[in-house]
C-alpha atoms as a PDB file:
ATOM      1  CA  MET A   1      -0.040   0.003  -0.008  1.00  0.00           C
ATOM      2  CA  SER A   2       1.242   3.487  -0.615  1.00  0.00           C
ATOM      3  CA  TYR A   3       0.071   7.151   0.218  1.00  0.00           C
ATOM      4  CA  PHE A   4      -1.262   7.728  -3.283  1.00  0.00           C
ATOM      5  CA  GLU A   5      -2.396   5.555  -6.280  1.00  0.00           C
ATOM      6  CA  ARG A   6      -1.847   7.262  -9.993  1.00  0.00           C
ATOM      7  CA  THR A   7      -5.454   7.069 -11.685  1.00  0.00           C
ATOM      8  CA  GLY A   8      -4.357   8.867 -14.876  1.00  0.00           C
ATOM      9  CA  GLY A   9      -1.805  11.129 -16.377  1.00  0.00           C
ATOM     10  CA  HIS A  10      -2.550  14.089 -14.033  1.00  0.00           C
ATOM     11  CA  SER A  11      -4.897  12.364 -11.408  1.00  0.00           C
ATOM     12  CA  PHE A  12      -4.386  10.564  -8.253  1.00  0.00           C
ATOM     13  CA  ARG A  13      -6.426   8.824  -5.398  1.00  0.00           C
ATOM     14  CA  ALA A  14      -5.138   9.127  -1.780  1.00  0.00           C
ATOM     15  CA  THR A  15      -5.409   6.110   0.536  1.00  0.00           C
ATOM     16  CA  GLU A  16      -6.323   5.662   4.164  1.00  0.00           C
ATOM     17  CA  HIS A  17      -2.565   6.200   5.055  1.00  0.00           C
ATOM     18  CA  VAL A  18      -2.601   9.900   4.466  1.00  0.00           C
ATOM     19  CA  GLY A  19      -5.395  10.418   7.260  1.00  0.00           C
ATOM     20  CA  GLY A  20      -4.832  13.835   8.957  1.00  0.00           C
ATOM     21  CA  ALA A  21      -3.789  14.672  12.414  1.00  0.00           C
ATOM     22  CA  TRP A  22      -6.293  17.626  12.982  1.00  0.00           C
ATOM     23  CA  ASN A  23      -9.004  15.643  11.344  1.00  0.00           C
ATOM     24  CA  THR A  24      -8.746  12.065  10.274  1.00  0.00           C
ATOM     25  CA  ALA A  25     -11.230  12.251   7.642  1.00  0.00           C
ATOM     26  CA  GLU A  26      -9.074  14.865   5.756  1.00  0.00           C
ATOM     27  CA  GLN A  27      -5.690  14.293   4.247  1.00  0.00           C
ATOM     28  CA  HIS A  28      -2.498  15.069   6.182  1.00  0.00           C
ATOM     29  CA  ILE A  29      -0.883  17.494   3.838  1.00  0.00           C
ATOM     30  CA  ALA A  30       2.652  16.046   3.990  1.00  0.00           C
ATOM     31  CA  PRO A  31       2.370  13.079   1.675  1.00  0.00           C
ATOM     32  CA  ALA A  32       0.647  15.767  -0.879  1.00  0.00           C
ATOM     33  CA  PHE A  33       3.670  17.810  -0.748  1.00  0.00           C
ATOM     34  CA  GLY A  34       5.680  14.916  -1.704  1.00  0.00           C
ATOM     35  CA  LEU A  35       3.337  14.136  -4.737  1.00  0.00           C
ATOM     36  CA  LEU A  36       3.482  17.638  -6.007  1.00  0.00           C
ATOM     37  CA  ALA A  37       7.435  17.507  -5.895  1.00  0.00           C
ATOM     38  CA  HIS A  38       7.279  14.202  -8.007  1.00  0.00           C
ATOM     39  CA  VAL A  39       4.867  15.763 -10.530  1.00  0.00           C
ATOM     40  CA  VAL A  40       7.159  18.751 -10.891  1.00  0.00           C
ATOM     41  CA  GLU A  41      10.129  16.346 -11.539  1.00  0.00           C
ATOM     42  CA  CYS A  42       8.093  14.148 -14.013  1.00  0.00           C
ATOM     43  CA  ASP A  43       7.022  17.298 -15.837  1.00  0.00           C
ATOM     44  CA  ARG A  44      10.767  18.499 -15.977  1.00  0.00           C
ATOM     45  CA  ASN A  45      11.856  15.003 -17.083  1.00  0.00           C
ATOM     46  CA  ALA A  46       9.233  15.025 -19.947  1.00  0.00           C
ATOM     47  CA  ARG A  47      10.628  18.494 -21.201  1.00  0.00           C
ATOM     48  CA  ARG A  48      14.230  18.281 -20.931  1.00  0.00           C
ATOM     49  CA  ASP A  49      17.146  16.126 -20.045  1.00  0.00           C
ATOM     50  CA  ASP A  50      19.674  18.368 -18.469  1.00  0.00           C
ATOM     51  CA  GLY A  51      19.294  17.219 -14.863  1.00  0.00           C
ATOM     52  CA  LEU A  52      17.896  20.692 -13.393  1.00  0.00           C
ATOM     53  CA  VAL A  53      17.680  20.160  -9.331  1.00  0.00           C
ATOM     54  CA  ILE A  54      14.908  21.705  -7.050  1.00  0.00           C
ATOM     55  CA  GLY A  55      16.466  24.306  -4.936  1.00  0.00           C
ATOM     56  CA  ARG A  56      13.163  25.679  -3.315  1.00  0.00           C
ATOM     57  CA  LEU A  57       9.986  24.296  -2.678  1.00  0.00           C
ATOM     58  CA  SER A  58       7.309  26.907  -1.601  1.00  0.00           C
ATOM     59  CA  TYR A  59       3.867  25.355  -0.819  1.00  0.00           C
ATOM     60  CA  ASP A  60       0.775  27.406  -0.073  1.00  0.00           C
ATOM     61  CA  ILE A  61      -2.286  25.548   1.630  1.00  0.00           C
ATOM     62  CA  LEU A  62      -5.364  26.867   0.228  1.00  0.00           C
ATOM     63  CA  GLY A  63      -7.825  24.449   1.692  1.00  0.00           C
ATOM     64  CA  VAL A  64      -8.368  21.037   3.294  1.00  0.00           C
ATOM     65  CA  LEU A  65      -8.305  17.691   1.030  1.00  0.00           C
ATOM     66  CA  PRO A  66     -10.564  14.970   1.611  1.00  0.00           C
ATOM     67  CA  ILE A  67      -9.162  11.361   1.304  1.00  0.00           C
ATOM     68  CA  GLY A  68     -10.340  10.910  -2.367  1.00  0.00           C
ATOM     69  CA  ASP A  69      -9.585  11.785  -5.897  1.00  0.00           C
ATOM     70  CA  MET A  70      -7.379  14.641  -6.979  1.00  0.00           C
ATOM     71  CA  ASP A  71      -6.011  16.418 -10.066  1.00  0.00           C
ATOM     72  CA  VAL A  72      -2.681  18.135 -10.624  1.00  0.00           C
ATOM     73  CA  GLU A  73      -1.834  21.025 -13.235  1.00  0.00           C
ATOM     74  CA  VAL A  74       1.794  22.096 -14.019  1.00  0.00           C
ATOM     75  CA  THR A  75       2.902  25.387 -15.494  1.00  0.00           C
ATOM     76  CA  VAL A  76       6.425  26.859 -16.261  1.00  0.00           C
ATOM     77  CA  LEU A  77       6.111  30.299 -15.029  1.00  0.00           C
ATOM     78  CA  ARG A  78       9.519  31.294 -15.827  1.00  0.00           C
ATOM     79  CA  PRO A  79      11.289  29.127 -18.530  1.00  0.00           C
ATOM     80  CA  GLY A  80      15.071  29.249 -18.918  1.00  0.00           C
ATOM     81  CA  ARG A  81      18.169  27.313 -19.806  1.00  0.00           C
ATOM     82  CA  THR A  82      19.630  27.189 -16.555  1.00  0.00           C
ATOM     83  CA  ILE A  83      16.979  28.245 -14.150  1.00  0.00           C
ATOM     84  CA  GLU A  84      13.144  27.652 -14.022  1.00  0.00           C
ATOM     85  CA  LEU A  85      10.126  28.588 -11.912  1.00  0.00           C
ATOM     86  CA  VAL A  86       7.414  25.813 -12.115  1.00  0.00           C
ATOM     87  CA  GLU A  87       4.088  25.909 -10.536  1.00  0.00           C
ATOM     88  CA  ALA A  88       2.004  22.916  -9.660  1.00  0.00           C
ATOM     89  CA  VAL A  89      -1.584  23.133  -8.302  1.00  0.00           C
ATOM     90  CA  LEU A  90      -3.276  20.042  -6.590  1.00  0.00           C
ATOM     91  CA  SER A  91      -7.084  20.359  -6.707  1.00  0.00           C
ATOM     92  CA  HIS A  92     -10.098  18.417  -5.684  1.00  0.00           C
ATOM     93  CA  GLY A  93     -13.670  18.759  -7.578  1.00  0.00           C
ATOM     94  CA  GLY A  94     -12.275  21.698  -9.365  1.00  0.00           C
ATOM     95  CA  ARG A  95     -11.197  23.669  -6.189  1.00  0.00           C
ATOM     96  CA  ALA A  96      -7.551  24.384  -5.646  1.00  0.00           C
ATOM     97  CA  ALA A  97      -6.131  23.090  -2.406  1.00  0.00           C
ATOM     98  CA  VAL A  98      -2.339  23.247  -2.601  1.00  0.00           C
ATOM     99  CA  ARG A  99       0.089  25.351  -4.729  1.00  0.00           C
ATOM    100  CA  LEU A 100       3.606  24.600  -5.139  1.00  0.00           C
ATOM    101  CA  ARG A 101       6.161  27.034  -6.632  1.00  0.00           C
ATOM    102  CA  ALA A 102       9.503  25.446  -7.186  1.00  0.00           C
ATOM    103  CA  TRP A 103      13.005  26.870  -8.518  1.00  0.00           C
ATOM    104  CA  LEU A 104      14.678  24.358 -10.660  1.00  0.00           C
ATOM    105  CA  MET A 105      18.359  24.995 -10.949  1.00  0.00           C
ATOM    106  CA  THR A 106      21.294  23.801 -13.232  1.00  0.00           C
ATOM    107  CA  PRO A 107      23.813  21.568 -10.965  1.00  0.00           C
ATOM    108  CA  GLY A 108      27.416  22.314 -11.095  1.00  0.00           C
ATOM    109  CA  ALA A 109      30.746  21.019  -9.732  1.00  0.00           C
ATOM    110  CA  THR A 110      31.489  22.943  -6.484  1.00  0.00           C
ATOM    111  CA  ASP A 111      32.738  20.043  -4.403  1.00  0.00           C
ATOM    112  CA  THR A 112      35.769  22.047  -3.518  1.00  0.00           C
ATOM    113  CA  LEU A 113      33.563  24.765  -1.937  1.00  0.00           C
ATOM    114  CA  GLU A 114      31.181  22.415  -0.067  1.00  0.00           C
ATOM    115  CA  GLY A 115      30.550  23.242   3.645  1.00  0.00           C
ATOM    116  CA  THR A 116      28.136  24.373   6.189  1.00  0.00           C
ATOM    117  CA  ALA A 117      28.244  26.075   9.622  1.00  0.00           C
ATOM    118  CA  LEU A 118      24.798  24.541  10.410  1.00  0.00           C
ATOM    119  CA  PRO A 119      25.399  21.941  13.139  1.00  0.00           C
ATOM    120  CA  ARG A 120      24.786  18.169  12.611  1.00  0.00           C
ATOM    121  CA  ILE A 121      22.161  16.550  15.060  1.00  0.00           C
ATOM    122  CA  ALA A 122      22.561  13.140  16.717  1.00  0.00           C
ATOM    123  CA  ALA A 123      22.175  10.146  14.355  1.00  0.00           C
ATOM    124  CA  PRO A 124      18.948   8.120  14.425  1.00  0.00           C
ATOM    125  CA  ASP A 125      20.443   5.335  16.540  1.00  0.00           C
ATOM    126  CA  GLU A 126      21.270   7.770  19.235  1.00  0.00           C
ATOM    127  CA  MET A 127      17.848   9.133  19.692  1.00  0.00           C
ATOM    128  CA  LYS A 128      15.036   7.154  21.574  1.00  0.00           C
ATOM    129  CA  PRO A 129      11.980   5.997  19.596  1.00  0.00           C
ATOM    130  CA  TRP A 130       8.916   8.216  20.320  1.00  0.00           C
ATOM    131  CA  ASP A 131       5.341   7.384  19.552  1.00  0.00           C
ATOM    132  CA  ALA A 132       3.712  10.399  18.087  1.00  0.00           C
ATOM    133  CA  ALA A 133       0.399   8.485  18.193  1.00  0.00           C
ATOM    134  CA  GLU A 134       0.162   9.531  22.040  1.00  0.00           C
ATOM    135  CA  VAL A 135      -0.465  13.114  20.891  1.00  0.00           C
ATOM    136  CA  TRP A 136      -1.789  12.990  17.323  1.00  0.00           C
ATOM    137  CA  PRO A 137      -4.378  10.636  15.502  1.00  0.00           C
ATOM    138  CA  GLY A 138      -4.671   9.722  11.907  1.00  0.00           C
ATOM    139  CA  GLY A 139      -3.174   7.155   9.323  1.00  0.00           C
ATOM    140  CA  PHE A 140      -0.211   9.419   8.321  1.00  0.00           C
ATOM    141  CA  ILE A 141       1.132   9.895  11.900  1.00  0.00           C
ATOM    142  CA  GLU A 142       0.561   6.032  12.584  1.00  0.00           C
ATOM    143  CA  SER A 143       2.680   5.386   9.290  1.00  0.00           C
ATOM    144  CA  ALA A 144       5.745   7.180  10.525  1.00  0.00           C
ATOM    145  CA  GLU A 145       8.610   5.933  12.660  1.00  0.00           C
ATOM    146  CA  ILE A 146      10.103   8.683  14.777  1.00  0.00           C
ATOM    147  CA  ARG A 147      13.291   8.907  16.961  1.00  0.00           C
ATOM    148  CA  ARG A 148      13.436  12.182  19.180  1.00  0.00           C
ATOM    149  CA  ASP A 149      15.437  14.238  21.507  1.00  0.00           C
ATOM    150  CA  GLN A 150      13.156  16.645  23.286  1.00  0.00           C
ATOM    151  CA  VAL A 151      14.662  19.541  24.826  1.00  0.00           C
ATOM    152  CA  GLU A 152      11.569  21.465  25.884  1.00  0.00           C
ATOM    153  CA  PRO A 153       7.864  22.101  24.443  1.00  0.00           C
ATOM    154  CA  GLY A 154       8.546  23.665  21.067  1.00  0.00           C
ATOM    155  CA  ARG A 155      12.228  22.820  20.808  1.00  0.00           C
ATOM    156  CA  ALA A 156      13.395  19.190  19.600  1.00  0.00           C
ATOM    157  CA  SER A 157      15.594  17.256  17.298  1.00  0.00           C
ATOM    158  CA  PHE A 158      14.098  14.342  15.673  1.00  0.00           C
ATOM    159  CA  TRP A 159      14.179  11.770  12.746  1.00  0.00           C
ATOM    160  CA  VAL A 160      11.533  10.429  10.552  1.00  0.00           C
ATOM    161  CA  ARG A 161      10.878   7.604   8.170  1.00  0.00           C
ATOM    162  CA  SER A 162       8.131   5.863   6.719  1.00  0.00           C
ATOM    163  CA  PRO A 163       7.800   2.391   4.963  1.00  0.00           C
ATOM    164  CA  ILE A 164       4.898   3.584   3.245  1.00  0.00           C
ATOM    165  CA  PRO A 165       5.963   4.486  -0.658  1.00  0.00           C
ATOM    166  CA  LEU A 166       4.650   7.822  -2.026  1.00  0.00           C
ATOM    167  CA  LEU A 167       2.992   6.023  -4.938  1.00  0.00           C
ATOM    168  CA  THR A 168       2.103   2.332  -6.094  1.00  0.00           C
ATOM    169  CA  ASP A 169       4.350   0.803  -8.759  1.00  0.00           C
ATOM    170  CA  GLU A 170       6.012   4.143  -9.359  1.00  0.00           C
ATOM    171  CA  LYS A 171       9.587   4.998  -8.909  1.00  0.00           C
ATOM    172  CA  VAL A 172      10.159   8.415  -7.241  1.00  0.00           C
ATOM    173  CA  SER A 173      13.239  10.471  -6.505  1.00  0.00           C
ATOM    174  CA  ASP A 174      14.915  10.553  -3.256  1.00  0.00           C
ATOM    175  CA  LEU A 175      13.852  14.405  -3.008  1.00  0.00           C
ATOM    176  CA  ALA A 176      10.080  13.504  -3.316  1.00  0.00           C
ATOM    177  CA  HIS A 177      10.548  10.532  -1.024  1.00  0.00           C
ATOM    178  CA  ALA A 178      11.941  12.945   1.715  1.00  0.00           C
ATOM    179  CA  VAL A 179       9.453  15.659   1.054  1.00  0.00           C
ATOM    180  CA  ARG A 180       6.441  13.387   1.652  1.00  0.00           C
ATOM    181  CA  LEU A 181       7.677  13.796   5.361  1.00  0.00           C
ATOM    182  CA  PHE A 182       8.643  17.480   5.625  1.00  0.00           C
ATOM    183  CA  ASP A 183       5.193  18.722   6.946  1.00  0.00           C
ATOM    184  CA  ILE A 184       5.238  16.359   9.976  1.00  0.00           C
ATOM    185  CA  SER A 185       7.791  18.933  11.774  1.00  0.00           C
ATOM    186  CA  ASN A 186       5.096  21.181  12.937  1.00  0.00           C
ATOM    187  CA  GLY A 187       3.543  18.517  15.245  1.00  0.00           C
ATOM    188  CA  MET A 188       6.738  16.644  16.584  1.00  0.00           C
ATOM    189  CA  THR A 189       7.660  19.305  19.516  1.00  0.00           C
ATOM    190  CA  VAL A 190       4.200  20.823  20.459  1.00  0.00           C
ATOM    191  CA  ARG A 191       4.356  24.135  22.539  1.00  0.00           C
ATOM    192  CA  ALA A 192       0.775  23.380  23.769  1.00  0.00           C
ATOM    193  CA  ASP A 193      -1.643  20.547  23.837  1.00  0.00           C
ATOM    194  CA  PRO A 194      -3.531  20.352  20.378  1.00  0.00           C
ATOM    195  CA  LYS A 195      -6.710  19.330  22.129  1.00  0.00           C
ATOM    196  CA  ALA A 196      -6.505  22.839  23.921  1.00  0.00           C
ATOM    197  CA  VAL A 197      -4.799  24.967  21.011  1.00  0.00           C
ATOM    198  CA  ALA A 198      -5.033  24.440  17.102  1.00  0.00           C
ATOM    199  CA  PHE A 199      -1.896  25.604  15.239  1.00  0.00           C
ATOM    200  CA  PRO A 200      -2.093  24.244  11.800  1.00  0.00           C
ATOM    201  CA  ASN A 201       0.352  25.720   9.090  1.00  0.00           C
ATOM    202  CA  LEU A 202      -0.674  27.573   6.199  1.00  0.00           C
ATOM    203  CA  ASP A 203       2.491  27.004   4.180  1.00  0.00           C
ATOM    204  CA  LEU A 204       5.612  25.454   4.006  1.00  0.00           C
ATOM    205  CA  THR A 205       8.939  26.547   2.258  1.00  0.00           C
ATOM    206  CA  ALA A 206      12.078  24.452   1.913  1.00  0.00           C
ATOM    207  CA  HIS A 207      15.468  25.700   0.725  1.00  0.00           C
ATOM    208  CA  LEU A 208      18.033  23.057  -0.107  1.00  0.00           C
ATOM    209  CA  PHE A 209      21.792  23.400  -0.678  1.00  0.00           C
ATOM    210  CA  ARG A 210      22.026  19.641  -0.996  1.00  0.00           C
ATOM    211  CA  GLN A 211      19.609  16.900  -2.293  1.00  0.00           C
ATOM    212  CA  PRO A 212      18.685  14.278   0.358  1.00  0.00           C
ATOM    213  CA  ASN A 213      19.757  10.680   0.582  1.00  0.00           C
ATOM    214  CA  GLY A 214      18.222   7.739   2.347  1.00  0.00           C
ATOM    215  CA  ASP A 215      15.162   6.828   4.251  1.00  0.00           C
ATOM    216  CA  TRP A 216      15.588   8.928   7.370  1.00  0.00           C
ATOM    217  CA  VAL A 217      14.726  12.788   7.248  1.00  0.00           C
ATOM    218  CA  GLY A 218      16.084  14.818  10.164  1.00  0.00           C
ATOM    219  CA  PHE A 219      14.757  18.064  11.699  1.00  0.00           C
ATOM    220  CA  ASP A 220      16.389  20.355  14.360  1.00  0.00           C
ATOM    221  CA  THR A 221      13.192  22.203  14.841  1.00  0.00           C
ATOM    222  CA  THR A 222      11.881  25.188  17.039  1.00  0.00           C
ATOM    223  CA  VAL A 223       8.329  26.284  17.479  1.00  0.00           C
ATOM    224  CA  SER A 224       7.426  29.923  18.272  1.00  0.00           C
ATOM    225  CA  PHE A 225       4.017  31.472  19.364  1.00  0.00           C
ATOM    226  CA  GLY A 226       3.480  35.300  19.145  1.00  0.00           C
ATOM    227  CA  ALA A 227       1.015  37.228  21.093  1.00  0.00           C
ATOM    228  CA  ASP A 228      -1.308  37.966  18.120  1.00  0.00           C
ATOM    229  CA  GLY A 229      -2.212  34.487  16.981  1.00  0.00           C
ATOM    230  CA  ILE A 230       0.600  33.837  14.736  1.00  0.00           C
ATOM    231  CA  GLY A 231       3.316  31.158  15.164  1.00  0.00           C
ATOM    232  CA  LEU A 232       6.206  29.880  13.244  1.00  0.00           C
ATOM    233  CA  THR A 233       7.806  26.523  13.005  1.00  0.00           C
ATOM    234  CA  SER A 234      11.529  26.704  11.804  1.00  0.00           C
ATOM    235  CA  SER A 235      13.738  23.588  11.001  1.00  0.00           C
ATOM    236  CA  VAL A 236      17.274  22.636   9.759  1.00  0.00           C
ATOM    237  CA  LEU A 237      16.762  19.694   7.558  1.00  0.00           C
ATOM    238  CA  HIS A 238      18.986  16.848   7.497  1.00  0.00           C
ATOM    239  CA  ASP A 239      19.738  13.364   6.066  1.00  0.00           C
ATOM    240  CA  THR A 240      22.115  10.856   7.729  1.00  0.00           C
ATOM    241  CA  TYR A 241      25.096  12.724   6.058  1.00  0.00           C
ATOM    242  CA  GLY A 242      24.403  16.029   7.718  1.00  0.00           C
ATOM    243  CA  PRO A 243      22.403  19.277   6.994  1.00  0.00           C
ATOM    244  CA  ILE A 244      20.671  19.680   3.624  1.00  0.00           C
ATOM    245  CA  GLY A 245      18.910  22.797   4.143  1.00  0.00           C
ATOM    246  CA  THR A 246      16.289  24.763   6.068  1.00  0.00           C
ATOM    247  CA  MET A 247      12.469  25.016   6.184  1.00  0.00           C
ATOM    248  CA  SER A 248       9.793  27.216   7.802  1.00  0.00           C
ATOM    249  CA  GLN A 249       5.971  26.976   8.232  1.00  0.00           C
ATOM    250  CA  ILE A 250       3.853  29.880   9.437  1.00  0.00           C
ATOM    251  CA  LEU A 251       1.092  29.034  11.845  1.00  0.00           C
ATOM    252  CA  THR A 252      -2.334  30.129  12.912  1.00  0.00           C
ATOM    253  CA  VAL A 253      -2.540  29.773  16.550  1.00  0.00           C
ATOM    254  CA  ARG A 254      -6.183  29.160  17.885  1.00  0.00           C
ATOM    255  CA  PRO A 255      -6.891  28.450  21.507  1.00  0.00           C
ATOM    256  CA  SER A 256     -10.226  26.502  21.843  1.00  0.00           C
ATOM    257  CA  THR A 257     -11.588  28.648  24.485  1.00  0.00           C
END
């Protein structure tokens, strides 16, 4: 079983494994983000063969998605020989639900310049397993294996992987395989009990200076709430070889009383 099944050239069906954490009858948006990254790469591969890589993924969540059928439309907003801006829109029943804008960039030989001052987090086998189902319901959370070092509410480093593939019988890149887990980060070190305070994210933007490798995706995450109903989840992204980029999510913070 996978998170999605392809039903046509531009259409897909979600499975029960994408069940959401805020509402189990709706999709957790994380797998859909991975699906859009995959669709952008498929469109790139159909148009050109020069190996442009995705350096930025910027998602806007326009509405909720039921667990059902979806369509995707891809548009090249800024064509170019070495740089492209591509948009992919995921819709259900004719209503747009997620919009991705991705910058694709020509790779180059900069191995002699490679380096970062971003600190590494402990390896997955150095962290204790954590059962996120103690905090969150839903098929997606149930599908994830998590190792976590919690510092305090709203501050933790953790690793996530899942045995559930993005698509049935369809090869996806290491990037799309990783991106299907990116949006889990907002719920892995909560500042407040989600039964008392809702804090869904409206977007997700990831900047990558290296393409991810392997099954584990690592996060060094801080969650902040402001005094006016706005929050921010900020993460440094890792694979088991070290940091690969940064990610942020803007939150709407809504106490239940």
